[in-house]
Amino acid sequence: MTRLKCNTPFHWAIAGAILAPVLVGGLGEWGLRAGGEQRLEPRLLSFLLLGPVMALQAGWWLAIPAGAATGYLLCRVQRAFAPQQSTAPAANS
């Protein structure tokens, strides 16, 4: 996101609102093709695919507000842990 020059929580929320339905749709379609409701193996694959399949069945649009909220929170976390630039002048010895 820093390479895209997304600096504000609003930018992050918009990006999350766009990316989340794309990700849920892609993983959900993959899950439907891999077996849908049936038990998928290995367990990691079923963990990654059954959630998006259920989200697609409930309504793909539900990923939009979830992605926006996630993007907003990720921006706040990134700002909290980003290195701060010092504005104080350097003391010369």
N, C-alpha and C. Protein backbone atom coordinates (compact mmCIF):
# COMPACT_ATOMS: atom_id res chain seq x y z
N MET A 1 0.82 -1.19 0.00
CA MET A 1 0.00 0.00 0.00
C MET A 1 0.86 1.26 0.00
N THR A 2 2.05 1.16 0.58
CA THR A 2 2.91 2.33 0.57
C THR A 2 3.41 2.62 -0.84
N ARG A 3 3.61 1.59 -1.64
CA ARG A 3 4.03 1.80 -3.04
C ARG A 3 2.92 2.45 -3.86
N LEU A 4 1.66 2.22 -3.47
CA LEU A 4 0.53 2.83 -4.16
C LEU A 4 0.23 4.23 -3.64
N LYS A 5 1.03 4.69 -2.68
CA LYS A 5 0.87 6.01 -2.07
C LYS A 5 -0.46 6.14 -1.34
N CYS A 6 -0.90 5.06 -0.72
CA CYS A 6 -2.12 5.09 0.09
C CYS A 6 -1.73 5.50 1.50
N ASN A 7 -2.04 6.73 1.86
CA ASN A 7 -1.60 7.27 3.14
C ASN A 7 -2.72 7.40 4.17
N THR A 8 -3.94 7.53 3.73
CA THR A 8 -5.03 7.78 4.66
C THR A 8 -5.84 6.52 4.90
N PRO A 9 -6.53 6.45 6.03
CA PRO A 9 -7.41 5.29 6.28
C PRO A 9 -8.50 5.15 5.22
N PHE A 10 -8.94 6.27 4.64
CA PHE A 10 -9.95 6.20 3.59
C PHE A 10 -9.43 5.46 2.37
N HIS A 11 -8.20 5.72 1.97
CA HIS A 11 -7.60 5.00 0.83
C HIS A 11 -7.52 3.51 1.12
N TRP A 12 -7.10 3.16 2.32
CA TRP A 12 -6.97 1.76 2.70
C TRP A 12 -8.34 1.09 2.71
N ALA A 13 -9.36 1.81 3.21
CA ALA A 13 -10.71 1.24 3.26
C ALA A 13 -11.25 0.98 1.86
N ILE A 14 -11.02 1.91 0.95
CA ILE A 14 -11.47 1.72 -0.44
C ILE A 14 -10.75 0.54 -1.07
N ALA A 15 -9.44 0.44 -0.86
CA ALA A 15 -8.69 -0.69 -1.41
C ALA A 15 -9.17 -2.00 -0.83
N GLY A 16 -9.45 -2.03 0.46
CA GLY A 16 -9.97 -3.25 1.08
C GLY A 16 -11.35 -3.61 0.57
N ALA A 17 -12.19 -2.59 0.34
CA ALA A 17 -13.54 -2.84 -0.17
C ALA A 17 -13.49 -3.38 -1.60
N ILE A 18 -12.46 -3.08 -2.34
CA ILE A 18 -12.32 -3.59 -3.70
C ILE A 18 -11.67 -4.97 -3.70
N LEU A 19 -10.62 -5.14 -2.90
CA LEU A 19 -9.86 -6.39 -2.93
C LEU A 19 -10.56 -7.55 -2.23
N ALA A 20 -11.31 -7.29 -1.18
CA ALA A 20 -11.94 -8.38 -0.42
C ALA A 20 -12.94 -9.18 -1.25
N PRO A 21 -13.87 -8.55 -1.99
CA PRO A 21 -14.78 -9.36 -2.81
C PRO A 21 -14.07 -10.13 -3.92
N VAL A 22 -13.00 -9.56 -4.45
CA VAL A 22 -12.24 -10.26 -5.49
C VAL A 22 -11.59 -11.52 -4.89
N LEU A 23 -11.00 -11.37 -3.72
CA LEU A 23 -10.36 -12.51 -3.06
C LEU A 23 -11.39 -13.56 -2.65
N VAL A 24 -12.49 -13.13 -2.06
CA VAL A 24 -13.53 -14.07 -1.64
C VAL A 24 -14.14 -14.77 -2.86
N GLY A 25 -14.36 -14.02 -3.92
CA GLY A 25 -14.92 -14.62 -5.14
C GLY A 25 -13.98 -15.65 -5.75
N GLY A 26 -12.71 -15.32 -5.83
CA GLY A 26 -11.75 -16.25 -6.40
C GLY A 26 -11.58 -17.51 -5.57
N LEU A 27 -11.41 -17.35 -4.27
CA LEU A 27 -11.27 -18.51 -3.41
C LEU A 27 -12.57 -19.30 -3.30
N GLY A 28 -13.70 -18.60 -3.34
CA GLY A 28 -14.99 -19.29 -3.29
C GLY A 28 -15.24 -20.13 -4.52
N GLU A 29 -14.92 -19.60 -5.67
CA GLU A 29 -15.08 -20.38 -6.91
C GLU A 29 -14.15 -21.58 -6.91
N TRP A 30 -12.95 -21.39 -6.44
CA TRP A 30 -12.00 -22.50 -6.35
C TRP A 30 -12.53 -23.56 -5.39
N GLY A 31 -13.10 -23.12 -4.28
CA GLY A 31 -13.67 -24.05 -3.32
C GLY A 31 -14.86 -24.81 -3.87
N LEU A 32 -15.70 -24.13 -4.65
CA LEU A 32 -16.84 -24.82 -5.26
C LEU A 32 -16.38 -25.87 -6.25
N ARG A 33 -15.34 -25.55 -7.00
CA ARG A 33 -14.82 -26.52 -7.97
C ARG A 33 -14.09 -27.67 -7.29
N ALA A 34 -13.51 -27.40 -6.10
CA ALA A 34 -12.75 -28.43 -5.40
C ALA A 34 -13.63 -29.35 -4.56
N GLY A 35 -14.89 -29.03 -4.41
CA GLY A 35 -15.75 -29.92 -3.64
C GLY A 35 -16.85 -29.23 -2.88
N GLY A 36 -16.82 -27.91 -2.79
CA GLY A 36 -17.89 -27.18 -2.14
C GLY A 36 -18.08 -27.57 -0.69
N GLU A 37 -19.23 -28.12 -0.37
CA GLU A 37 -19.57 -28.46 1.00
C GLU A 37 -18.91 -29.75 1.46
N GLN A 38 -18.42 -30.55 0.52
CA GLN A 38 -17.81 -31.82 0.89
C GLN A 38 -16.50 -31.59 1.62
N ARG A 39 -16.06 -32.59 2.29
CA ARG A 39 -14.82 -32.49 3.07
C ARG A 39 -13.62 -32.42 2.12
N LEU A 40 -12.87 -31.34 2.23
CA LEU A 40 -11.69 -31.15 1.39
C LEU A 40 -10.46 -31.58 2.17
N GLU A 41 -9.52 -32.16 1.49
CA GLU A 41 -8.25 -32.54 2.09
C GLU A 41 -7.14 -31.92 1.26
N PRO A 42 -6.07 -31.53 1.77
CA PRO A 42 -5.67 -31.48 3.16
C PRO A 42 -6.42 -30.41 3.93
N ARG A 43 -6.25 -30.40 5.21
CA ARG A 43 -7.02 -29.51 6.09
C ARG A 43 -6.76 -28.03 5.81
N LEU A 44 -5.56 -27.67 5.46
CA LEU A 44 -5.27 -26.27 5.18
C LEU A 44 -6.09 -25.80 3.98
N LEU A 45 -6.20 -26.62 2.96
CA LEU A 45 -6.99 -26.26 1.79
C LEU A 45 -8.45 -26.06 2.17
N SER A 46 -8.99 -26.93 2.99
CA SER A 46 -10.38 -26.79 3.40
C SER A 46 -10.56 -25.54 4.26
N PHE A 47 -9.58 -25.21 5.09
CA PHE A 47 -9.65 -24.02 5.92
C PHE A 47 -9.68 -22.76 5.06
N LEU A 48 -8.91 -22.74 3.99
CA LEU A 48 -8.84 -21.57 3.12
C LEU A 48 -10.04 -21.44 2.20
N LEU A 49 -10.69 -22.53 1.85
CA LEU A 49 -11.72 -22.48 0.82
C LEU A 49 -13.15 -22.54 1.34
N LEU A 50 -13.40 -23.19 2.45
CA LEU A 50 -14.79 -23.33 2.90
C LEU A 50 -15.38 -22.02 3.39
N GLY A 51 -14.58 -21.16 3.99
CA GLY A 51 -15.08 -19.85 4.41
C GLY A 51 -15.55 -19.00 3.24
N PRO A 52 -14.73 -18.84 2.21
CA PRO A 52 -15.19 -18.09 1.03
C PRO A 52 -16.38 -18.73 0.33
N VAL A 53 -16.47 -20.06 0.34
CA VAL A 53 -17.64 -20.73 -0.27
C VAL A 53 -18.89 -20.33 0.50
N MET A 54 -18.82 -20.35 1.83
CA MET A 54 -19.98 -19.94 2.63
C MET A 54 -20.31 -18.47 2.43
N ALA A 55 -19.28 -17.62 2.27
CA ALA A 55 -19.52 -16.20 2.03
C ALA A 55 -20.20 -16.00 0.67
N LEU A 56 -19.80 -16.75 -0.33
CA LEU A 56 -20.47 -16.65 -1.63
C LEU A 56 -21.92 -17.09 -1.56
N GLN A 57 -22.19 -18.14 -0.78
CA GLN A 57 -23.55 -18.63 -0.66
C GLN A 57 -24.42 -17.66 0.13
N ALA A 58 -23.85 -16.97 1.10
CA ALA A 58 -24.61 -16.01 1.90
C ALA A 58 -24.81 -14.69 1.15
N GLY A 59 -23.87 -14.33 0.31
CA GLY A 59 -23.93 -13.08 -0.46
C GLY A 59 -22.54 -12.51 -0.62
N TRP A 60 -22.10 -12.39 -1.85
CA TRP A 60 -20.74 -11.93 -2.12
C TRP A 60 -20.53 -10.50 -1.64
N TRP A 61 -21.58 -9.71 -1.58
CA TRP A 61 -21.47 -8.30 -1.21
C TRP A 61 -21.07 -8.12 0.25
N LEU A 62 -21.21 -9.16 1.06
CA LEU A 62 -20.84 -9.05 2.47
C LEU A 62 -19.35 -8.83 2.66
N ALA A 63 -18.57 -9.16 1.65
CA ALA A 63 -17.12 -8.95 1.73
C ALA A 63 -16.75 -7.47 1.59
N ILE A 64 -17.62 -6.65 1.04
CA ILE A 64 -17.31 -5.23 0.82
C ILE A 64 -17.15 -4.49 2.15
N PRO A 65 -18.15 -4.50 3.05
CA PRO A 65 -17.92 -3.79 4.32
C PRO A 65 -16.85 -4.44 5.19
N ALA A 66 -16.72 -5.76 5.11
CA ALA A 66 -15.67 -6.43 5.88
C ALA A 66 -14.30 -6.02 5.37
N GLY A 67 -14.13 -5.93 4.07
CA GLY A 67 -12.85 -5.50 3.50
C GLY A 67 -12.55 -4.05 3.81
N ALA A 68 -13.57 -3.19 3.80
CA ALA A 68 -13.37 -1.78 4.13
C ALA A 68 -12.94 -1.63 5.59
N ALA A 69 -13.60 -2.35 6.48
CA ALA A 69 -13.23 -2.27 7.89
C ALA A 69 -11.83 -2.82 8.13
N THR A 70 -11.49 -3.90 7.45
CA THR A 70 -10.16 -4.48 7.59
C THR A 70 -9.09 -3.52 7.07
N GLY A 71 -9.34 -2.90 5.93
CA GLY A 71 -8.39 -1.94 5.38
C GLY A 71 -8.18 -0.76 6.31
N TYR A 72 -9.27 -0.25 6.88
CA TYR A 72 -9.16 0.87 7.81
C TYR A 72 -8.30 0.49 9.02
N LEU A 73 -8.59 -0.67 9.60
CA LEU A 73 -7.83 -1.10 10.79
C LEU A 73 -6.37 -1.37 10.46
N LEU A 74 -6.11 -1.95 9.30
CA LEU A 74 -4.72 -2.20 8.91
C LEU A 74 -3.94 -0.90 8.72
N CYS A 75 -4.61 0.13 8.23
CA CYS A 75 -3.95 1.43 8.10
C CYS A 75 -3.60 1.98 9.47
N ARG A 76 -4.52 1.86 10.42
CA ARG A 76 -4.25 2.35 11.77
C ARG A 76 -3.10 1.58 12.42
N VAL A 77 -3.04 0.27 12.19
CA VAL A 77 -1.95 -0.54 12.74
C VAL A 77 -0.63 -0.15 12.09
N GLN A 78 -0.64 0.03 10.78
CA GLN A 78 0.58 0.40 10.07
C GLN A 78 1.09 1.75 10.55
N ARG A 79 0.20 2.69 10.77
CA ARG A 79 0.60 4.00 11.28
C ARG A 79 1.15 3.92 12.70
N ALA A 80 0.58 3.05 13.51
CA ALA A 80 1.01 2.94 14.90
C ALA A 80 2.41 2.35 15.01
N PHE A 81 2.76 1.44 14.10
CA PHE A 81 4.04 0.76 14.19
C PHE A 81 5.06 1.22 13.17
N ALA A 82 4.72 2.17 12.35
CA ALA A 82 5.68 2.69 11.37
C ALA A 82 6.75 3.51 12.08
N PRO A 83 7.97 3.49 11.58
CA PRO A 83 9.01 4.31 12.21
C PRO A 83 8.67 5.79 12.08
N GLN A 84 8.83 6.50 13.18
CA GLN A 84 8.53 7.93 13.20
C GLN A 84 9.76 8.72 12.77
N GLN A 85 9.54 9.74 11.95
CA GLN A 85 10.65 10.60 11.54
C GLN A 85 10.81 11.70 12.58
N SER A 86 12.02 11.94 12.96
CA SER A 86 12.30 12.96 13.94
C SER A 86 12.25 14.34 13.30
N THR A 87 11.54 15.27 13.94
CA THR A 87 11.46 16.64 13.43
C THR A 87 12.39 17.58 14.20
N ALA A 88 13.00 17.07 15.26
CA ALA A 88 13.92 17.89 16.05
C ALA A 88 15.24 18.04 15.30
N PRO A 89 15.84 19.23 15.36
CA PRO A 89 17.14 19.42 14.69
C PRO A 89 18.22 18.59 15.38
N ALA A 90 19.14 18.13 14.60
CA ALA A 90 20.25 17.31 15.14
C ALA A 90 21.22 18.23 15.88
N ALA A 91 21.68 17.77 17.03
CA ALA A 91 22.64 18.56 17.84
C ALA A 91 24.05 18.29 17.31
N ASN A 92 24.76 19.36 17.01
CA ASN A 92 26.15 19.25 16.56
C ASN A 92 27.07 19.28 17.76
N SER A 93 28.08 18.43 17.77
CA SER A 93 29.02 18.39 18.90
C SER A 93 30.16 19.33 18.70
